[in-house]
């Protein structure tokens, strides 16, 4: 027979897990979007910070930004970018 307290505890635990995964997913997307490659927002930020003399080289690199991203996905190197995300999530979440 189901007890009311166990159902409530299970429901609260499930809701907590869903919220925890939501926080981690949003942190991962934020860190990913700030990678300083041209198709992402981090590339736009980097372009605004760079001096005028470096912009021509950065613009030449921007043609290959999507290829670099695909290589990061395929090689598995992208997971090392998410190590700080997991550390931040463990700090923010109880």
N, C-alpha and C. Protein backbone atom coordinates (compact mmCIF):
# COMPACT_ATOMS: atom_id res chain seq x y z
N UNK A 1 0.84 -1.18 0.00
CA UNK A 1 0.00 0.00 0.00
C UNK A 1 0.89 1.25 0.00
N UNK A 2 0.52 2.25 -0.79
CA UNK A 2 1.29 3.49 -0.88
C UNK A 2 0.99 4.38 0.31
N UNK A 3 2.03 4.96 0.83
CA UNK A 3 1.86 5.93 1.90
C UNK A 3 1.95 7.32 1.29
N UNK A 4 1.21 8.25 1.85
CA UNK A 4 1.17 9.60 1.30
C UNK A 4 2.52 10.29 1.41
N UNK A 5 3.23 10.06 2.50
CA UNK A 5 4.52 10.70 2.70
C UNK A 5 5.56 10.24 1.70
N UNK A 6 5.53 8.97 1.34
CA UNK A 6 6.53 8.47 0.40
C UNK A 6 6.29 9.02 -1.00
N UNK A 7 5.02 9.19 -1.38
CA UNK A 7 4.71 9.77 -2.69
C UNK A 7 5.17 11.22 -2.76
N UNK A 8 4.93 11.97 -1.69
CA UNK A 8 5.32 13.37 -1.65
C UNK A 8 6.84 13.48 -1.71
N UNK A 9 7.53 12.63 -0.95
CA UNK A 9 9.00 12.66 -0.97
C UNK A 9 9.53 12.31 -2.35
N UNK A 10 8.93 11.33 -3.01
CA UNK A 10 9.36 10.95 -4.34
C UNK A 10 9.10 12.07 -5.34
N UNK A 11 7.95 12.72 -5.24
CA UNK A 11 7.61 13.81 -6.15
C UNK A 11 8.55 15.00 -5.95
N UNK A 12 8.83 15.34 -4.71
CA UNK A 12 9.75 16.45 -4.43
C UNK A 12 11.15 16.12 -4.92
N UNK A 13 11.58 14.88 -4.73
CA UNK A 13 12.90 14.47 -5.22
C UNK A 13 12.99 14.55 -6.74
N UNK A 14 11.92 14.16 -7.42
CA UNK A 14 11.90 14.22 -8.89
C UNK A 14 11.93 15.67 -9.37
N UNK A 15 11.17 16.53 -8.72
CA UNK A 15 11.15 17.95 -9.09
C UNK A 15 12.52 18.58 -8.85
N UNK A 16 13.16 18.23 -7.74
CA UNK A 16 14.49 18.74 -7.44
C UNK A 16 15.50 18.29 -8.50
N UNK A 17 15.43 17.04 -8.91
CA UNK A 17 16.35 16.52 -9.92
C UNK A 17 16.14 17.22 -11.25
N UNK A 18 14.90 17.47 -11.62
CA UNK A 18 14.61 18.18 -12.87
C UNK A 18 15.15 19.60 -12.81
N UNK A 19 14.97 20.28 -11.70
CA UNK A 19 15.50 21.65 -11.56
C UNK A 19 17.02 21.65 -11.58
N UNK A 20 17.63 20.66 -10.93
CA UNK A 20 19.09 20.57 -10.92
C UNK A 20 19.63 20.37 -12.33
N UNK A 21 19.03 19.50 -13.10
CA UNK A 21 19.47 19.27 -14.47
C UNK A 21 19.23 20.51 -15.34
N UNK A 22 18.16 21.26 -15.05
CA UNK A 22 17.91 22.51 -15.77
C UNK A 22 19.00 23.53 -15.53
N UNK A 23 19.46 23.64 -14.29
CA UNK A 23 20.54 24.58 -13.96
C UNK A 23 21.82 24.16 -14.68
N UNK A 24 22.15 22.88 -14.63
CA UNK A 24 23.37 22.39 -15.28
C UNK A 24 23.30 22.60 -16.78
N UNK A 25 22.16 22.31 -17.39
CA UNK A 25 22.02 22.49 -18.83
C UNK A 25 22.16 23.96 -19.24
N UNK A 26 21.55 24.85 -18.47
CA UNK A 26 21.68 26.28 -18.79
C UNK A 26 23.11 26.77 -18.62
N UNK A 27 23.82 26.29 -17.61
CA UNK A 27 25.22 26.67 -17.45
C UNK A 27 26.06 26.15 -18.61
N UNK A 28 25.79 24.92 -19.05
CA UNK A 28 26.54 24.36 -20.17
C UNK A 28 26.29 25.17 -21.45
N UNK A 29 25.06 25.53 -21.70
CA UNK A 29 24.75 26.33 -22.89
C UNK A 29 25.39 27.71 -22.82
N UNK A 30 25.42 28.31 -21.64
CA UNK A 30 26.04 29.63 -21.49
C UNK A 30 27.54 29.55 -21.75
N UNK A 31 28.21 28.54 -21.17
CA UNK A 31 29.64 28.40 -21.39
C UNK A 31 29.94 28.07 -22.85
N UNK A 32 29.13 27.22 -23.46
CA UNK A 32 29.33 26.87 -24.86
C UNK A 32 29.19 28.09 -25.76
N UNK A 33 28.19 28.91 -25.48
CA UNK A 33 27.94 30.08 -26.32
C UNK A 33 29.05 31.13 -26.19
N UNK A 34 29.81 31.09 -25.10
CA UNK A 34 30.87 32.07 -24.91
C UNK A 34 32.23 31.58 -25.39
N UNK A 35 32.28 30.43 -26.06
CA UNK A 35 33.53 29.99 -26.68
C UNK A 35 33.90 31.03 -27.74
N UNK A 36 35.14 31.53 -27.72
CA UNK A 36 35.50 32.62 -28.63
C UNK A 36 35.74 32.18 -30.07
N UNK A 37 34.72 31.61 -30.68
CA UNK A 37 34.75 31.26 -32.10
C UNK A 37 33.68 32.06 -32.81
N UNK A 38 33.92 32.48 -34.03
CA UNK A 38 33.05 33.42 -34.73
C UNK A 38 31.56 33.07 -34.85
N UNK A 39 31.12 31.85 -35.05
CA UNK A 39 29.67 31.71 -35.16
C UNK A 39 28.95 31.84 -33.82
N UNK A 40 29.68 31.81 -32.72
CA UNK A 40 29.08 31.92 -31.39
C UNK A 40 29.20 33.35 -30.88
N UNK A 41 28.50 33.65 -29.79
CA UNK A 41 28.54 35.00 -29.23
C UNK A 41 29.91 35.35 -28.68
N UNK A 42 30.66 34.35 -28.24
CA UNK A 42 32.01 34.62 -27.75
C UNK A 42 32.91 35.17 -28.84
N UNK A 43 32.68 34.78 -30.08
CA UNK A 43 33.44 35.33 -31.19
C UNK A 43 33.16 36.80 -31.40
N UNK A 44 31.92 37.19 -31.21
CA UNK A 44 31.54 38.60 -31.34
C UNK A 44 32.17 39.42 -30.22
N UNK A 45 32.17 38.86 -29.01
CA UNK A 45 32.80 39.55 -27.88
C UNK A 45 34.30 39.70 -28.13
N UNK A 46 34.94 38.63 -28.59
CA UNK A 46 36.38 38.68 -28.86
C UNK A 46 36.69 39.68 -29.96
N UNK A 47 35.85 39.75 -30.96
CA UNK A 47 36.06 40.70 -32.06
C UNK A 47 35.98 42.14 -31.55
N UNK A 48 35.12 42.38 -30.59
CA UNK A 48 35.01 43.72 -30.00
C UNK A 48 36.18 44.09 -29.12
N UNK A 49 36.85 43.10 -28.57
CA UNK A 49 37.98 43.35 -27.66
C UNK A 49 39.29 43.49 -28.42
N UNK A 50 39.42 42.79 -29.53
CA UNK A 50 40.69 42.77 -30.27
C UNK A 50 41.04 44.15 -30.82
N UNK A 51 42.34 44.45 -30.90
CA UNK A 51 42.76 45.72 -31.51
C UNK A 51 42.55 45.68 -33.02
N UNK A 52 42.53 46.85 -33.62
CA UNK A 52 42.29 46.98 -35.07
C UNK A 52 43.28 46.17 -35.90
N UNK A 53 44.52 46.07 -35.45
CA UNK A 53 45.54 45.37 -36.23
C UNK A 53 45.28 43.87 -36.31
N UNK A 54 44.55 43.31 -35.37
CA UNK A 54 44.29 41.87 -35.34
C UNK A 54 42.99 41.47 -36.01
N UNK A 55 42.16 42.44 -36.37
CA UNK A 55 40.83 42.11 -36.90
C UNK A 55 40.89 41.40 -38.24
N UNK A 56 41.83 41.72 -39.09
CA UNK A 56 41.88 41.07 -40.40
C UNK A 56 42.20 39.58 -40.23
N UNK A 57 43.13 39.25 -39.34
CA UNK A 57 43.44 37.84 -39.09
C UNK A 57 42.28 37.11 -38.45
N UNK A 58 41.56 37.79 -37.56
CA UNK A 58 40.40 37.17 -36.92
C UNK A 58 39.28 36.95 -37.93
N UNK A 59 39.11 37.89 -38.85
CA UNK A 59 38.08 37.72 -39.88
C UNK A 59 38.41 36.56 -40.81
N UNK A 60 39.69 36.33 -41.08
CA UNK A 60 40.08 35.18 -41.89
C UNK A 60 39.80 33.88 -41.14
N UNK A 61 40.02 33.89 -39.83
CA UNK A 61 39.74 32.71 -39.02
C UNK A 61 38.23 32.44 -38.93
N UNK A 62 37.43 33.49 -39.01
CA UNK A 62 35.98 33.33 -38.85
C UNK A 62 35.37 32.46 -39.94
N UNK A 63 36.03 32.35 -41.08
CA UNK A 63 35.52 31.47 -42.13
C UNK A 63 35.56 30.00 -41.71
N UNK A 64 36.48 29.67 -40.82
CA UNK A 64 36.67 28.28 -40.41
C UNK A 64 36.08 27.98 -39.02
N UNK A 65 35.34 28.91 -38.46
CA UNK A 65 34.80 28.74 -37.12
C UNK A 65 33.87 27.55 -36.98
N UNK A 66 32.99 27.35 -37.93
CA UNK A 66 32.06 26.23 -37.87
C UNK A 66 32.80 24.90 -38.01
N UNK A 67 33.82 24.87 -38.86
CA UNK A 67 34.62 23.65 -39.02
C UNK A 67 35.36 23.34 -37.72
N UNK A 68 35.88 24.37 -37.06
CA UNK A 68 36.57 24.17 -35.79
C UNK A 68 35.61 23.63 -34.74
N UNK A 69 34.38 24.17 -34.71
CA UNK A 69 33.38 23.66 -33.77
C UNK A 69 33.05 22.20 -34.04
N UNK A 70 32.89 21.84 -35.30
CA UNK A 70 32.61 20.45 -35.63
C UNK A 70 33.76 19.54 -35.23
N UNK A 71 34.99 20.00 -35.40
CA UNK A 71 36.15 19.22 -34.96
C UNK A 71 36.19 19.06 -33.45
N UNK A 72 35.80 20.11 -32.72
CA UNK A 72 35.73 20.01 -31.26
C UNK A 72 34.69 18.98 -30.83
N UNK A 73 33.55 18.97 -31.52
CA UNK A 73 32.51 17.97 -31.21
C UNK A 73 33.01 16.56 -31.52
N UNK A 74 33.59 16.38 -32.71
CA UNK A 74 33.98 15.06 -33.16
C UNK A 74 35.15 14.50 -32.36
N UNK A 75 36.07 15.35 -31.94
CA UNK A 75 37.25 14.86 -31.23
C UNK A 75 36.99 14.60 -29.75
N UNK A 76 35.93 15.17 -29.21
CA UNK A 76 35.65 15.00 -27.79
C UNK A 76 36.33 16.03 -26.91
N UNK A 77 37.02 16.98 -27.50
CA UNK A 77 37.70 18.02 -26.71
C UNK A 77 36.73 18.99 -26.06
N UNK A 78 35.52 19.01 -26.56
CA UNK A 78 34.52 19.93 -26.02
C UNK A 78 34.17 19.58 -24.57
N UNK A 79 34.34 18.32 -24.18
CA UNK A 79 33.98 17.94 -22.81
C UNK A 79 34.88 18.62 -21.79
N UNK A 80 36.11 18.98 -22.18
CA UNK A 80 37.01 19.66 -21.25
C UNK A 80 36.58 21.09 -20.99
N UNK A 81 35.81 21.65 -21.89
CA UNK A 81 35.28 22.99 -21.68
C UNK A 81 34.20 22.96 -20.60
N UNK A 82 33.53 21.82 -20.45
CA UNK A 82 32.44 21.72 -19.50
C UNK A 82 32.88 21.32 -18.10
N UNK A 83 34.17 21.10 -17.87
CA UNK A 83 34.65 20.80 -16.52
C UNK A 83 34.39 21.97 -15.58
N UNK A 84 34.68 23.23 -15.97
CA UNK A 84 34.33 24.34 -15.06
C UNK A 84 32.83 24.47 -14.83
N UNK A 85 32.02 24.05 -15.79
CA UNK A 85 30.57 24.11 -15.62
C UNK A 85 30.14 23.18 -14.48
N UNK A 86 30.70 21.97 -14.47
CA UNK A 86 30.33 21.02 -13.44
C UNK A 86 30.84 21.49 -12.07
N UNK A 87 32.01 22.11 -12.05
CA UNK A 87 32.52 22.64 -10.78
C UNK A 87 31.63 23.79 -10.27
N UNK A 88 31.20 24.65 -11.19
CA UNK A 88 30.32 25.76 -10.80
C UNK A 88 28.97 25.24 -10.35
N UNK A 89 28.46 24.23 -11.05
CA UNK A 89 27.16 23.66 -10.66
C UNK A 89 27.25 23.01 -9.29
N UNK A 90 28.34 22.33 -8.99
CA UNK A 90 28.46 21.71 -7.67
C UNK A 90 28.59 22.77 -6.59
N UNK A 91 29.12 23.94 -6.93
CA UNK A 91 29.21 25.03 -5.97
C UNK A 91 27.84 25.69 -5.76
N UNK A 92 27.08 25.86 -6.84
CA UNK A 92 25.80 26.56 -6.74
C UNK A 92 24.68 25.71 -6.17
N UNK A 93 24.71 24.42 -6.49
CA UNK A 93 23.63 23.53 -6.05
C UNK A 93 24.02 22.83 -4.76
N UNK A 94 23.06 22.71 -3.83
CA UNK A 94 23.38 22.02 -2.57
C UNK A 94 23.56 20.52 -2.75
